[in-house]
Amino acid sequence: MIHRDTAATEALRHVIWDPGTITPLLDEVLFPDRVAATAYRALMASSSVADAIEMAAADDPVAGDLLQRLAVEEPESTVQSVMIRLVDDAANAAMAALQAEALVASDPFRVGEAIRWLNLRVMDLREQEGSLDLGMEAMYDLLAWLTEADVGTVDGANANANAGTGASTGPVNHEDVGHV
């Protein structure tokens, strides 16, 4: 069977092999796939990879198999690059949801501000990829935006977009992860 690795599976690899570098940055919102989310929750709730494999397999055998495979495969990327990919994927999903909502909203301009902010931050994020900018401001801003409120609603998205005009005020502590 050929496995297609995603940013989520690569992030899970990092959690298994070097949890201290990536775990402070992660949130379940970055794992929209059911299997990857089950594996992520099991890793966060377990004290060992073996326990996580067992826990994940009890919820979903495919998630247990995934963790078992990832436990023997070293990460192939840097934490910075996988985080940029994860956040980009999650931001694109949020953008699609906001665009769909704008099509049916009684006031689509209300959604427009969140879409505009999100689009600009995604462009900034993509410009950071491959750079030596360790600050990764766009990644932190988007991560905070994605994790702070319900981005699937106009009110939550607008609140986040309005709050996201400067540095991140989200749950990510920049000092804890400055080495990324």
C-alpha atoms as a PDB file:
ATOM      1  CA  MET A   1       0.000   0.000   0.000  1.00  0.00           C
ATOM      2  CA  ILE A   2       1.324   3.446  -0.927  1.00  0.00           C
ATOM      3  CA  HIS A   3       0.931   6.059   1.791  1.00  0.00           C
ATOM      4  CA  ARG A   4       0.523   9.682   0.835  1.00  0.00           C
ATOM      5  CA  ASP A   5       2.168  11.782   3.469  1.00  0.00           C
ATOM      6  CA  THR A   6       0.627  15.094   4.355  1.00  0.00           C
ATOM      7  CA  ALA A   7       1.771  17.978   6.508  1.00  0.00           C
ATOM      8  CA  ALA A   8      -0.276  16.400   9.306  1.00  0.00           C
ATOM      9  CA  THR A   9       1.515  13.055   9.084  1.00  0.00           C
ATOM     10  CA  GLU A  10       4.887  14.797   9.004  1.00  0.00           C
ATOM     11  CA  ALA A  11       3.897  16.826  12.075  1.00  0.00           C
ATOM     12  CA  LEU A  12       2.923  13.603  13.848  1.00  0.00           C
ATOM     13  CA  ARG A  13       6.354  12.205  12.963  1.00  0.00           C
ATOM     14  CA  HIS A  14       7.934  15.234  14.644  1.00  0.00           C
ATOM     15  CA  VAL A  15       5.740  14.722  17.724  1.00  0.00           C
ATOM     16  CA  ILE A  16       6.975  11.133  17.958  1.00  0.00           C
ATOM     17  CA  TRP A  17      10.664  11.799  17.303  1.00  0.00           C
ATOM     18  CA  ASP A  18      11.180  15.215  18.936  1.00  0.00           C
ATOM     19  CA  PRO A  19       8.015  16.309  20.715  1.00  0.00           C
ATOM     20  CA  GLY A  20       9.546  19.297  22.492  1.00  0.00           C
ATOM     21  CA  THR A  21      10.136  21.231  19.282  1.00  0.00           C
ATOM     22  CA  ILE A  22       6.693  20.991  17.720  1.00  0.00           C
ATOM     23  CA  THR A  23       4.152  20.080  20.402  1.00  0.00           C
ATOM     24  CA  PRO A  24       3.874  23.647  21.814  1.00  0.00           C
ATOM     25  CA  LEU A  25       2.861  24.856  18.345  1.00  0.00           C
ATOM     26  CA  LEU A  26       0.186  22.277  17.582  1.00  0.00           C
ATOM     27  CA  ASP A  27      -3.547  22.390  18.027  1.00  0.00           C
ATOM     28  CA  GLU A  28      -6.223  19.939  16.980  1.00  0.00           C
ATOM     29  CA  VAL A  29      -7.578  22.468  14.455  1.00  0.00           C
ATOM     30  CA  LEU A  30      -4.473  21.684  12.369  1.00  0.00           C
ATOM     31  CA  PHE A  31      -5.585  18.050  12.004  1.00  0.00           C
ATOM     32  CA  PRO A  32      -8.887  18.099  10.088  1.00  0.00           C
ATOM     33  CA  ASP A  33      -8.458  14.530   8.855  1.00  0.00           C
ATOM     34  CA  ARG A  34     -10.211  12.073  11.205  1.00  0.00           C
ATOM     35  CA  VAL A  35      -7.346   9.573  11.244  1.00  0.00           C
ATOM     36  CA  ALA A  36      -4.627  12.185  11.838  1.00  0.00           C
ATOM     37  CA  ALA A  37      -6.754  13.881  14.515  1.00  0.00           C
ATOM     38  CA  THR A  38      -7.236  10.568  16.337  1.00  0.00           C
ATOM     39  CA  ALA A  39      -3.487   9.924  16.190  1.00  0.00           C
ATOM     40  CA  TYR A  40      -2.738  13.466  17.421  1.00  0.00           C
ATOM     41  CA  ARG A  41      -5.162  13.172  20.364  1.00  0.00           C
ATOM     42  CA  ALA A  42      -3.668   9.809  21.325  1.00  0.00           C
ATOM     43  CA  LEU A  43      -0.125  11.228  21.268  1.00  0.00           C
ATOM     44  CA  MET A  44      -1.166  14.205  23.389  1.00  0.00           C
ATOM     45  CA  ALA A  45      -2.946  11.999  25.935  1.00  0.00           C
ATOM     46  CA  SER A  46      -0.246   9.334  26.261  1.00  0.00           C
ATOM     47  CA  SER A  47       3.065   9.228  28.041  1.00  0.00           C
ATOM     48  CA  SER A  48       4.671   6.953  25.447  1.00  0.00           C
ATOM     49  CA  VAL A  49       4.392   6.220  21.754  1.00  0.00           C
ATOM     50  CA  ALA A  50       3.446   2.617  22.526  1.00  0.00           C
ATOM     51  CA  ASP A  51       0.550   3.815  24.699  1.00  0.00           C
ATOM     52  CA  ALA A  52      -0.496   6.272  21.974  1.00  0.00           C
ATOM     53  CA  ILE A  53      -0.521   3.515  19.353  1.00  0.00           C
ATOM     54  CA  GLU A  54      -2.697   1.367  21.600  1.00  0.00           C
ATOM     55  CA  MET A  55      -5.049   4.254  22.420  1.00  0.00           C
ATOM     56  CA  ALA A  56      -5.366   5.325  18.781  1.00  0.00           C
ATOM     57  CA  ALA A  57      -5.964   1.747  17.625  1.00  0.00           C
ATOM     58  CA  ALA A  58      -8.789   1.394  20.156  1.00  0.00           C
ATOM     59  CA  ASP A  59     -10.512   4.451  18.616  1.00  0.00           C
ATOM     60  CA  ASP A  60      -9.615   3.763  15.003  1.00  0.00           C
ATOM     61  CA  PRO A  61      -7.397   0.888  13.820  1.00  0.00           C
ATOM     62  CA  VAL A  62      -6.195   2.973  10.874  1.00  0.00           C
ATOM     63  CA  ALA A  63      -4.929   5.673  13.271  1.00  0.00           C
ATOM     64  CA  GLY A  64      -3.091   3.026  15.287  1.00  0.00           C
ATOM     65  CA  ASP A  65      -1.501   1.691  12.100  1.00  0.00           C
ATOM     66  CA  LEU A  66      -0.526   5.227  11.098  1.00  0.00           C
ATOM     67  CA  LEU A  67       1.241   5.862  14.411  1.00  0.00           C
ATOM     68  CA  GLN A  68       2.962   2.502  14.214  1.00  0.00           C
ATOM     69  CA  ARG A  69       4.314   3.375  10.755  1.00  0.00           C
ATOM     70  CA  LEU A  70       5.360   6.891  11.769  1.00  0.00           C
ATOM     71  CA  ALA A  71       7.174   5.567  14.842  1.00  0.00           C
ATOM     72  CA  VAL A  72       9.755   3.921  12.585  1.00  0.00           C
ATOM     73  CA  GLU A  73      10.082   6.765  10.060  1.00  0.00           C
ATOM     74  CA  GLU A  74      12.180   9.795  10.944  1.00  0.00           C
ATOM     75  CA  PRO A  75      10.911  13.261   9.977  1.00  0.00           C
ATOM     76  CA  GLU A  76      11.966  14.421   6.535  1.00  0.00           C
ATOM     77  CA  SER A  77      11.373  18.137   7.070  1.00  0.00           C
ATOM     78  CA  THR A  78      12.117  20.900   9.507  1.00  0.00           C
ATOM     79  CA  VAL A  79       9.602  21.916  12.153  1.00  0.00           C
ATOM     80  CA  GLN A  80       9.400  25.344  10.490  1.00  0.00           C
ATOM     81  CA  SER A  81       8.485  23.923   7.084  1.00  0.00           C
ATOM     82  CA  VAL A  82       5.909  21.465   8.433  1.00  0.00           C
ATOM     83  CA  MET A  83       4.271  24.162  10.557  1.00  0.00           C
ATOM     84  CA  ILE A  84       4.030  26.480   7.558  1.00  0.00           C
ATOM     85  CA  ARG A  85       2.405  23.677   5.534  1.00  0.00           C
ATOM     86  CA  LEU A  86      -0.008  22.757   8.357  1.00  0.00           C
ATOM     87  CA  VAL A  87      -1.084  26.340   8.972  1.00  0.00           C
ATOM     88  CA  ASP A  88      -1.376  27.011   5.229  1.00  0.00           C
ATOM     89  CA  ASP A  89      -3.649  23.967   4.833  1.00  0.00           C
ATOM     90  CA  ALA A  90      -5.832  24.987   7.789  1.00  0.00           C
ATOM     91  CA  ALA A  91      -6.019  28.610   6.611  1.00  0.00           C
ATOM     92  CA  ASN A  92      -7.076  27.472   3.133  1.00  0.00           C
ATOM     93  CA  ALA A  93      -9.853  25.355   4.631  1.00  0.00           C
ATOM     94  CA  ALA A  94     -10.997  28.343   6.701  1.00  0.00           C
ATOM     95  CA  MET A  95     -10.850  30.555   3.605  1.00  0.00           C
ATOM     96  CA  ALA A  96     -13.039  28.121   1.664  1.00  0.00           C
ATOM     97  CA  ALA A  97     -15.571  28.069   4.501  1.00  0.00           C
ATOM     98  CA  LEU A  98     -15.654  31.873   4.655  1.00  0.00           C
ATOM     99  CA  GLN A  99     -16.006  32.179   0.882  1.00  0.00           C
ATOM    100  CA  ALA A 100     -18.901  29.717   0.910  1.00  0.00           C
ATOM    101  CA  GLU A 101     -20.515  31.663   3.717  1.00  0.00           C
ATOM    102  CA  ALA A 102     -20.067  34.928   1.811  1.00  0.00           C
ATOM    103  CA  LEU A 103     -22.084  33.478  -1.077  1.00  0.00           C
ATOM    104  CA  VAL A 104     -25.153  32.988   1.085  1.00  0.00           C
ATOM    105  CA  ALA A 105     -24.700  35.736   3.677  1.00  0.00           C
ATOM    106  CA  SER A 106     -27.224  38.539   3.789  1.00  0.00           C
ATOM    107  CA  ASP A 107     -24.266  40.922   4.122  1.00  0.00           C
ATOM    108  CA  PRO A 108     -21.260  39.406   2.300  1.00  0.00           C
ATOM    109  CA  PHE A 109     -19.160  42.483   3.043  1.00  0.00           C
ATOM    110  CA  ARG A 110     -19.188  41.460   6.698  1.00  0.00           C
ATOM    111  CA  VAL A 111     -17.287  38.319   5.728  1.00  0.00           C
ATOM    112  CA  GLY A 112     -15.062  40.285   3.350  1.00  0.00           C
ATOM    113  CA  GLU A 113     -12.878  41.780   6.072  1.00  0.00           C
ATOM    114  CA  ALA A 114     -12.013  38.356   7.463  1.00  0.00           C
ATOM    115  CA  ILE A 115     -11.346  37.014   3.955  1.00  0.00           C
ATOM    116  CA  ARG A 116      -9.126  39.997   3.136  1.00  0.00           C
ATOM    117  CA  TRP A 117      -7.073  39.637   6.327  1.00  0.00           C
ATOM    118  CA  LEU A 118      -6.797  35.883   5.929  1.00  0.00           C
ATOM    119  CA  ASN A 119      -5.709  36.172   2.297  1.00  0.00           C
ATOM    120  CA  LEU A 120      -2.997  38.702   3.162  1.00  0.00           C
ATOM    121  CA  ARG A 121      -1.651  36.588   6.021  1.00  0.00           C
ATOM    122  CA  VAL A 122      -1.604  33.442   3.838  1.00  0.00           C
ATOM    123  CA  MET A 123       0.385  35.358   1.214  1.00  0.00           C
ATOM    124  CA  ASP A 124       2.800  36.500   3.944  1.00  0.00           C
ATOM    125  CA  LEU A 125       3.064  32.913   5.188  1.00  0.00           C
ATOM    126  CA  ARG A 126       3.946  31.606   1.753  1.00  0.00           C
ATOM    127  CA  GLU A 127       6.599  34.297   1.360  1.00  0.00           C
ATOM    128  CA  GLN A 128       8.182  33.118   4.631  1.00  0.00           C
ATOM    129  CA  GLU A 129       8.521  29.526   3.441  1.00  0.00           C
ATOM    130  CA  GLY A 130      12.156  28.732   2.875  1.00  0.00           C
ATOM    131  CA  SER A 131      13.354  31.987   4.407  1.00  0.00           C
ATOM    132  CA  LEU A 132      15.613  32.244   7.389  1.00  0.00           C
ATOM    133  CA  ASP A 133      13.104  34.466   9.192  1.00  0.00           C
ATOM    134  CA  LEU A 134      12.841  32.663  12.492  1.00  0.00           C
ATOM    135  CA  GLY A 135      10.143  35.031  13.722  1.00  0.00           C
ATOM    136  CA  MET A 136       7.567  33.529  11.376  1.00  0.00           C
ATOM    137  CA  GLU A 137       5.084  36.252  12.311  1.00  0.00           C
ATOM    138  CA  ALA A 138       2.502  35.273   9.690  1.00  0.00           C
ATOM    139  CA  MET A 139       2.526  31.657  10.864  1.00  0.00           C
ATOM    140  CA  TYR A 140       2.013  32.720  14.479  1.00  0.00           C
ATOM    141  CA  ASP A 141      -0.737  35.190  13.529  1.00  0.00           C
ATOM    142  CA  LEU A 142      -2.608  32.591  11.484  1.00  0.00           C
ATOM    143  CA  LEU A 143      -2.156  29.919  14.129  1.00  0.00           C
ATOM    144  CA  ALA A 144      -3.582  32.230  16.783  1.00  0.00           C
ATOM    145  CA  TRP A 145      -6.443  33.201  14.464  1.00  0.00           C
ATOM    146  CA  LEU A 146      -7.267  29.574  13.705  1.00  0.00           C
ATOM    147  CA  THR A 147      -7.220  28.487  17.356  1.00  0.00           C
ATOM    148  CA  GLU A 148      -8.784  31.481  19.145  1.00  0.00           C
ATOM    149  CA  ALA A 149     -12.364  31.497  17.906  1.00  0.00           C
ATOM    150  CA  ASP A 150     -14.841  29.745  15.703  1.00  0.00           C
ATOM    151  CA  VAL A 151     -13.550  30.749  12.276  1.00  0.00           C
ATOM    152  CA  GLY A 152     -16.497  28.997  10.672  1.00  0.00           C
ATOM    153  CA  THR A 153     -18.786  31.866  11.632  1.00  0.00           C
ATOM    154  CA  VAL A 154     -18.745  35.439  10.403  1.00  0.00           C
ATOM    155  CA  ASP A 155     -18.624  36.853  13.925  1.00  0.00           C
ATOM    156  CA  GLY A 156     -15.761  34.589  14.983  1.00  0.00           C
ATOM    157  CA  ALA A 157     -13.840  35.194  11.777  1.00  0.00           C
ATOM    158  CA  ASN A 158     -14.294  38.962  11.911  1.00  0.00           C
ATOM    159  CA  ALA A 159     -13.302  39.092  15.564  1.00  0.00           C
ATOM    160  CA  ASN A 160     -10.147  37.176  14.743  1.00  0.00           C
ATOM    161  CA  ALA A 161      -9.386  39.231  11.639  1.00  0.00           C
ATOM    162  CA  ASN A 162      -9.806  42.469  13.555  1.00  0.00           C
ATOM    163  CA  ALA A 163      -7.631  41.179  16.387  1.00  0.00           C
ATOM    164  CA  GLY A 164      -5.091  39.822  13.923  1.00  0.00           C
ATOM    165  CA  THR A 165      -3.882  43.135  12.602  1.00  0.00           C
ATOM    166  CA  GLY A 166      -0.612  43.003  14.483  1.00  0.00           C
ATOM    167  CA  ALA A 167       1.397  40.463  16.369  1.00  0.00           C
ATOM    168  CA  SER A 168      -0.278  37.310  17.493  1.00  0.00           C
ATOM    169  CA  THR A 169      -2.222  37.439  20.704  1.00  0.00           C
ATOM    170  CA  GLY A 170      -3.077  33.751  20.568  1.00  0.00           C
ATOM    171  CA  PRO A 171      -2.162  30.797  22.694  1.00  0.00           C
ATOM    172  CA  VAL A 172       1.263  30.406  21.107  1.00  0.00           C
ATOM    173  CA  ASN A 173       4.022  31.697  23.369  1.00  0.00           C
ATOM    174  CA  HIS A 174       6.690  33.043  21.017  1.00  0.00           C
ATOM    175  CA  GLU A 175       9.471  32.663  23.608  1.00  0.00           C
ATOM    176  CA  ASP A 176       8.688  28.951  23.987  1.00  0.00           C
ATOM    177  CA  VAL A 177       9.060  28.301  20.287  1.00  0.00           C
ATOM    178  CA  GLY A 178      11.578  30.887  19.130  1.00  0.00           C
ATOM    179  CA  HIS A 179      13.947  28.099  18.068  1.00  0.00           C
ATOM    180  CA  VAL A 180      11.658  26.885  15.303  1.00  0.00           C
END
